[in-house]
């Protein structure tokens, strides 16, 4: 998952993300099939950098900042 329904559509398109709504959720999310390193490399080319990273259960969360 790389974004929610409020994410920048042009950035989501650049990442190759598709918008989906999972059964039972009351929100939309953007999803990619790429490995995390591919997505992070694409975001780096747009000026984003990783600030922190953590694991929550079986989920990894990256916090990025754009200069």
PDB file of N, CA and C in Angstrom:
ATOM      1  N   UNK A   1       0.854  -1.172   0.000  1.00  0.00           N
ATOM      2  CA  UNK A   1       0.000   0.000   0.000  1.00  0.00           C
ATOM      3  C   UNK A   1       0.898   1.233   0.000  1.00  0.00           C
ATOM      4  N   UNK A   2       0.601   2.170  -0.899  1.00  0.00           N
ATOM      5  CA  UNK A   2       1.446   3.360  -1.010  1.00  0.00           C
ATOM      6  C   UNK A   2       0.688   4.670  -0.804  1.00  0.00           C
ATOM      7  N   UNK A   3      -0.618   4.604  -0.589  1.00  0.00           N
ATOM      8  CA  UNK A   3      -1.373   5.835  -0.388  1.00  0.00           C
ATOM      9  C   UNK A   3      -2.840   5.566  -0.131  1.00  0.00           C
ATOM     10  N   UNK A   4      -3.551   6.641   0.212  1.00  0.00           N
ATOM     11  CA  UNK A   4      -4.993   6.548   0.412  1.00  0.00           C
ATOM     12  C   UNK A   4      -5.715   7.415  -0.610  1.00  0.00           C
ATOM     13  N   UNK A   5      -7.032   7.539  -0.469  1.00  0.00           N
ATOM     14  CA  UNK A   5      -7.802   8.273  -1.477  1.00  0.00           C
ATOM     15  C   UNK A   5      -7.451   9.752  -1.552  1.00  0.00           C
ATOM     16  N   UNK A   6      -6.703  10.276  -0.586  1.00  0.00           N
ATOM     17  CA  UNK A   6      -6.314  11.690  -0.570  1.00  0.00           C
ATOM     18  C   UNK A   6      -4.909  11.908  -1.125  1.00  0.00           C
ATOM     19  N   UNK A   7      -4.244  10.850  -1.582  1.00  0.00           N
ATOM     20  CA  UNK A   7      -2.879  10.953  -2.106  1.00  0.00           C
ATOM     21  C   UNK A   7      -2.857  11.662  -3.462  1.00  0.00           C
ATOM     22  N   UNK A   8      -1.703  12.214  -3.792  1.00  0.00           N
ATOM     23  CA  UNK A   8      -1.497  12.917  -5.056  1.00  0.00           C
ATOM     24  C   UNK A   8      -1.648  11.941  -6.228  1.00  0.00           C
ATOM     25  N   UNK A   9      -2.670  12.116  -7.070  1.00  0.00           N
ATOM     26  CA  UNK A   9      -2.897  11.180  -8.173  1.00  0.00           C
ATOM     27  C   UNK A   9      -1.725  11.085  -9.148  1.00  0.00           C
ATOM     28  N   UNK A  10      -1.020  12.194  -9.386  1.00  0.00           N
ATOM     29  CA  UNK A  10       0.114  12.141 -10.322  1.00  0.00           C
ATOM     30  C   UNK A  10       1.269  11.331  -9.737  1.00  0.00           C
ATOM     31  N   UNK A  11       1.501  11.440  -8.431  1.00  0.00           N
ATOM     32  CA  UNK A  11       2.544  10.642  -7.790  1.00  0.00           C
ATOM     33  C   UNK A  11       2.153   9.167  -7.791  1.00  0.00           C
ATOM     34  N   UNK A  12       0.900   8.874  -7.524  1.00  0.00           N
ATOM     35  CA  UNK A  12       0.429   7.490  -7.535  1.00  0.00           C
ATOM     36  C   UNK A  12       0.566   6.884  -8.935  1.00  0.00           C
ATOM     37  N   UNK A  13       0.305   7.683  -9.954  1.00  0.00           N
ATOM     38  CA  UNK A  13       0.465   7.231 -11.330  1.00  0.00           C
ATOM     39  C   UNK A  13       1.938   6.955 -11.636  1.00  0.00           C
ATOM     40  N   UNK A  14       2.825   7.840 -11.177  1.00  0.00           N
ATOM     41  CA  UNK A  14       4.264   7.660 -11.357  1.00  0.00           C
ATOM     42  C   UNK A  14       4.747   6.352 -10.723  1.00  0.00           C
ATOM     43  N   UNK A  15       4.168   6.009  -9.572  1.00  0.00           N
ATOM     44  CA  UNK A  15       4.552   4.777  -8.880  1.00  0.00           C
ATOM     45  C   UNK A  15       3.923   3.539  -9.521  1.00  0.00           C
ATOM     46  N   UNK A  16       2.975   3.756 -10.425  1.00  0.00           N
ATOM     47  CA  UNK A  16       2.290   2.628 -11.054  1.00  0.00           C
ATOM     48  C   UNK A  16       1.242   2.008 -10.158  1.00  0.00           C
ATOM     49  N   UNK A  17       0.697   2.810  -9.233  1.00  0.00           N
ATOM     50  CA  UNK A  17      -0.271   2.308  -8.257  1.00  0.00           C
ATOM     51  C   UNK A  17      -1.680   2.258  -8.837  1.00  0.00           C
ATOM     52  N   UNK A  18      -2.451   1.308  -8.349  1.00  0.00           N
ATOM     53  CA  UNK A  18      -3.859   1.207  -8.714  1.00  0.00           C
ATOM     54  C   UNK A  18      -4.698   1.456  -7.467  1.00  0.00           C
ATOM     55  N   UNK A  19      -5.837   2.106  -7.673  1.00  0.00           N
ATOM     56  CA  UNK A  19      -6.731   2.446  -6.566  1.00  0.00           C
ATOM     57  C   UNK A  19      -7.689   1.275  -6.338  1.00  0.00           C
ATOM     58  N   UNK A  20      -7.832   0.856  -5.097  1.00  0.00           N
ATOM     59  CA  UNK A  20      -8.720  -0.264  -4.795  1.00  0.00           C
ATOM     60  C   UNK A  20      -9.430  -0.037  -3.467  1.00  0.00           C
ATOM     61  N   UNK A  21     -10.525  -0.750  -3.309  1.00  0.00           N
ATOM     62  CA  UNK A  21     -11.286  -0.732  -2.058  1.00  0.00           C
ATOM     63  C   UNK A  21     -11.435  -2.172  -1.607  1.00  0.00           C
ATOM     64  N   UNK A  22     -10.831  -2.515  -0.487  1.00  0.00           N
ATOM     65  CA  UNK A  22     -10.906  -3.876   0.035  1.00  0.00           C
ATOM     66  C   UNK A  22     -12.239  -4.080   0.748  1.00  0.00           C
ATOM     67  N   UNK A  23     -12.815  -5.260   0.571  1.00  0.00           N
ATOM     68  CA  UNK A  23     -14.083  -5.592   1.197  1.00  0.00           C
ATOM     69  C   UNK A  23     -14.015  -5.362   2.705  1.00  0.00           C
ATOM     70  N   UNK A  24     -14.963  -4.618   3.228  1.00  0.00           N
ATOM     71  CA  UNK A  24     -15.017  -4.330   4.660  1.00  0.00           C
ATOM     72  C   UNK A  24     -14.385  -3.011   5.046  1.00  0.00           C
ATOM     73  N   UNK A  25     -13.560  -2.429   4.160  1.00  0.00           N
ATOM     74  CA  UNK A  25     -12.946  -1.130   4.447  1.00  0.00           C
ATOM     75  C   UNK A  25     -13.860  -0.018   3.945  1.00  0.00           C
ATOM     76  N   UNK A  26     -13.869   1.091   4.653  1.00  0.00           N
ATOM     77  CA  UNK A  26     -14.683   2.243   4.260  1.00  0.00           C
ATOM     78  C   UNK A  26     -13.799   3.327   3.636  1.00  0.00           C
ATOM     79  N   UNK A  27     -12.674   2.923   3.069  1.00  0.00           N
ATOM     80  CA  UNK A  27     -11.755   3.865   2.440  1.00  0.00           C
ATOM     81  C   UNK A  27     -11.097   3.195   1.237  1.00  0.00           C
ATOM     82  N   UNK A  28     -10.538   4.018   0.363  1.00  0.00           N
ATOM     83  CA  UNK A  28      -9.802   3.540  -0.808  1.00  0.00           C
ATOM     84  C   UNK A  28      -8.322   3.627  -0.525  1.00  0.00           C
ATOM     85  N   UNK A  29      -7.548   2.765  -1.158  1.00  0.00           N
ATOM     86  CA  UNK A  29      -6.097   2.785  -1.002  1.00  0.00           C
ATOM     87  C   UNK A  29      -5.439   2.571  -2.356  1.00  0.00           C
ATOM     88  N   UNK A  30      -4.209   3.067  -2.482  1.00  0.00           N
ATOM     89  CA  UNK A  30      -3.406   2.833  -3.676  1.00  0.00           C
ATOM     90  C   UNK A  30      -2.430   1.703  -3.368  1.00  0.00           C
ATOM     91  N   UNK A  31      -2.307   0.780  -4.317  1.00  0.00           N
ATOM     92  CA  UNK A  31      -1.522  -0.427  -4.123  1.00  0.00           C
ATOM     93  C   UNK A  31      -0.577  -0.632  -5.309  1.00  0.00           C
ATOM     94  N   UNK A  32       0.621  -1.130  -5.027  1.00  0.00           N
ATOM     95  CA  UNK A  32       1.574  -1.498  -6.089  1.00  0.00           C
ATOM     96  C   UNK A  32       2.017  -2.940  -5.887  1.00  0.00           C
ATOM     97  N   UNK A  33       2.443  -3.571  -6.973  1.00  0.00           N
ATOM     98  CA  UNK A  33       2.981  -4.929  -6.887  1.00  0.00           C
ATOM     99  C   UNK A  33       4.492  -4.937  -6.743  1.00  0.00           C
ATOM    100  N   UNK A  34       5.131  -3.770  -6.831  1.00  0.00           N
ATOM    101  CA  UNK A  34       6.590  -3.678  -6.741  1.00  0.00           C
ATOM    102  C   UNK A  34       7.084  -3.956  -5.326  1.00  0.00           C
ATOM    103  N   UNK A  35       8.319  -4.428  -5.249  1.00  0.00           N
ATOM    104  CA  UNK A  35       8.983  -4.605  -3.953  1.00  0.00           C
ATOM    105  C   UNK A  35       9.235  -3.231  -3.327  1.00  0.00           C
ATOM    106  N   UNK A  36       9.312  -3.157  -1.999  1.00  0.00           N
ATOM    107  CA  UNK A  36       9.543  -1.865  -1.333  1.00  0.00           C
ATOM    108  C   UNK A  36      10.755  -1.108  -1.865  1.00  0.00           C
ATOM    109  N   UNK A  37      11.859  -1.795  -2.143  1.00  0.00           N
ATOM    110  CA  UNK A  37      13.062  -1.083  -2.617  1.00  0.00           C
ATOM    111  C   UNK A  37      12.825  -0.395  -3.951  1.00  0.00           C
ATOM    112  N   UNK A  38      11.979  -0.974  -4.807  1.00  0.00           N
ATOM    113  CA  UNK A  38      11.656  -0.354  -6.099  1.00  0.00           C
ATOM    114  C   UNK A  38      10.877   0.931  -5.872  1.00  0.00           C
ATOM    115  N   UNK A  39       9.874   0.877  -4.991  1.00  0.00           N
ATOM    116  CA  UNK A  39       9.059   2.059  -4.681  1.00  0.00           C
ATOM    117  C   UNK A  39       9.911   3.136  -4.029  1.00  0.00           C
ATOM    118  N   UNK A  40      10.760   2.746  -3.078  1.00  0.00           N
ATOM    119  CA  UNK A  40      11.617   3.722  -2.407  1.00  0.00           C
ATOM    120  C   UNK A  40      12.598   4.362  -3.386  1.00  0.00           C
ATOM    121  N   UNK A  41      13.133   3.603  -4.330  1.00  0.00           N
ATOM    122  CA  UNK A  41      14.029   4.171  -5.347  1.00  0.00           C
ATOM    123  C   UNK A  41      13.291   5.171  -6.226  1.00  0.00           C
ATOM    124  N   UNK A  42      12.059   4.849  -6.610  1.00  0.00           N
ATOM    125  CA  UNK A  42      11.259   5.777  -7.420  1.00  0.00           C
ATOM    126  C   UNK A  42      10.996   7.068  -6.644  1.00  0.00           C
ATOM    127  N   UNK A  43      10.652   6.937  -5.361  1.00  0.00           N
ATOM    128  CA  UNK A  43      10.376   8.120  -4.539  1.00  0.00           C
ATOM    129  C   UNK A  43      11.637   8.955  -4.347  1.00  0.00           C
ATOM    130  N   UNK A  44      12.787   8.293  -4.218  1.00  0.00           N
ATOM    131  CA  UNK A  44      14.052   9.021  -4.088  1.00  0.00           C
ATOM    132  C   UNK A  44      14.325   9.864  -5.334  1.00  0.00           C
ATOM    133  N   UNK A  45      13.977   9.333  -6.497  1.00  0.00           N
ATOM    134  CA  UNK A  45      14.196  10.086  -7.735  1.00  0.00           C
ATOM    135  C   UNK A  45      13.289  11.308  -7.825  1.00  0.00           C
ATOM    136  N   UNK A  46      12.226  11.344  -7.006  1.00  0.00           N
ATOM    137  CA  UNK A  46      11.309  12.503  -6.947  1.00  0.00           C
ATOM    138  C   UNK A  46      11.684  13.465  -5.827  1.00  0.00           C
ATOM    139  N   UNK A  47      12.763  13.178  -5.089  1.00  0.00           N
ATOM    140  CA  UNK A  47      13.206  14.086  -4.034  1.00  0.00           C
ATOM    141  C   UNK A  47      12.826  13.673  -2.632  1.00  0.00           C
ATOM    142  N   UNK A  48      12.230  12.512  -2.460  1.00  0.00           N
ATOM    143  CA  UNK A  48      11.891  12.029  -1.115  1.00  0.00           C
ATOM    144  C   UNK A  48      13.075  11.300  -0.516  1.00  0.00           C
ATOM    145  N   UNK A  49      13.175  11.351   0.825  1.00  0.00           N
ATOM    146  CA  UNK A  49      14.206  10.576   1.516  1.00  0.00           C
ATOM    147  C   UNK A  49      13.586   9.917   2.745  1.00  0.00           C
ATOM    148  N   UNK A  50      14.127   8.766   3.113  1.00  0.00           N
ATOM    149  CA  UNK A  50      13.616   8.030   4.266  1.00  0.00           C
ATOM    150  C   UNK A  50      14.080   8.725   5.538  1.00  0.00           C
ATOM    151  N   UNK A  51      13.132   8.990   6.437  1.00  0.00           N
ATOM    152  CA  UNK A  51      13.442   9.609   7.720  1.00  0.00           C
ATOM    153  C   UNK A  51      13.514   8.527   8.797  1.00  0.00           C
ATOM    154  N   UNK A  52      12.573   7.590   8.760  1.00  0.00           N
ATOM    155  CA  UNK A  52      12.566   6.505   9.736  1.00  0.00           C
ATOM    156  C   UNK A  52      11.810   5.310   9.175  1.00  0.00           C
ATOM    157  N   UNK A  53      11.966   4.182   9.845  1.00  0.00           N
ATOM    158  CA  UNK A  53      11.297   2.952   9.436  1.00  0.00           C
ATOM    159  C   UNK A  53      11.045   2.118  10.678  1.00  0.00           C
ATOM    160  N   UNK A  54       9.908   1.420  10.699  1.00  0.00           N
ATOM    161  CA  UNK A  54       9.592   0.556  11.832  1.00  0.00           C
ATOM    162  C   UNK A  54       8.742  -0.610  11.359  1.00  0.00           C
ATOM    163  N   UNK A  55       8.638  -1.601  12.187  1.00  0.00           N
ATOM    164  CA  UNK A  55       7.769  -2.732  11.911  1.00  0.00           C
ATOM    165  C   UNK A  55       6.598  -2.734  12.872  1.00  0.00           C
ATOM    166  N   UNK A  56       5.412  -3.011  12.340  1.00  0.00           N
ATOM    167  CA  UNK A  56       4.196  -3.090  13.152  1.00  0.00           C
ATOM    168  C   UNK A  56       3.568  -4.448  12.828  1.00  0.00           C
ATOM    169  N   UNK A  57       3.778  -5.428  13.685  1.00  0.00           N
ATOM    170  CA  UNK A  57       3.302  -6.775  13.365  1.00  0.00           C
ATOM    171  C   UNK A  57       4.044  -7.290  12.147  1.00  0.00           C
ATOM    172  N   UNK A  58       3.306  -7.648  11.098  1.00  0.00           N
ATOM    173  CA  UNK A  58       3.922  -8.114   9.856  1.00  0.00           C
ATOM    174  C   UNK A  58       3.977  -7.005   8.805  1.00  0.00           C
ATOM    175  N   UNK A  59       3.765  -5.764   9.229  1.00  0.00           N
ATOM    176  CA  UNK A  59       3.749  -4.617   8.322  1.00  0.00           C
ATOM    177  C   UNK A  59       4.987  -3.759   8.553  1.00  0.00           C
ATOM    178  N   UNK A  60       5.600  -3.287   7.470  1.00  0.00           N
ATOM    179  CA  UNK A  60       6.704  -2.337   7.556  1.00  0.00           C
ATOM    180  C   UNK A  60       6.194  -0.956   7.183  1.00  0.00           C
ATOM    181  N   UNK A  61       6.626   0.061   7.920  1.00  0.00           N
ATOM    182  CA  UNK A  61       6.182   1.432   7.689  1.00  0.00           C
ATOM    183  C   UNK A  61       7.415   2.319   7.526  1.00  0.00           C
ATOM    184  N   UNK A  62       7.443   3.065   6.410  1.00  0.00           N
ATOM    185  CA  UNK A  62       8.520   4.014   6.160  1.00  0.00           C
ATOM    186  C   UNK A  62       7.945   5.415   6.252  1.00  0.00           C
ATOM    187  N   UNK A  63       8.675   6.315   6.919  1.00  0.00           N
ATOM    188  CA  UNK A  63       8.303   7.728   6.972  1.00  0.00           C
ATOM    189  C   UNK A  63       9.294   8.466   6.082  1.00  0.00           C
ATOM    190  N   UNK A  64       8.750   9.201   5.083  1.00  0.00           N
ATOM    191  CA  UNK A  64       9.608   9.904   4.125  1.00  0.00           C
ATOM    192  C   UNK A  64       9.357  11.413   4.210  1.00  0.00           C
ATOM    193  N   UNK A  65      10.346  12.177   3.756  1.00  0.00           N
ATOM    194  CA  UNK A  65      10.242  13.636   3.711  1.00  0.00           C
ATOM    195  C   UNK A  65      10.742  14.112   2.366  1.00  0.00           C
ATOM    196  N   UNK A  66      10.095  15.134   1.836  1.00  0.00           N
ATOM    197  CA  UNK A  66      10.543  15.724   0.570  1.00  0.00           C
ATOM    198  C   UNK A  66      11.078  17.106   0.841  1.00  0.00           C
ATOM    199  N   UNK A  67      12.311  17.347   0.440  1.00  0.00           N
ATOM    200  CA  UNK A  67      12.954  18.654   0.645  1.00  0.00           C
ATOM    201  C   UNK A  67      12.324  19.697  -0.251  1.00  0.00           C
TER     202      UNK A  67
END
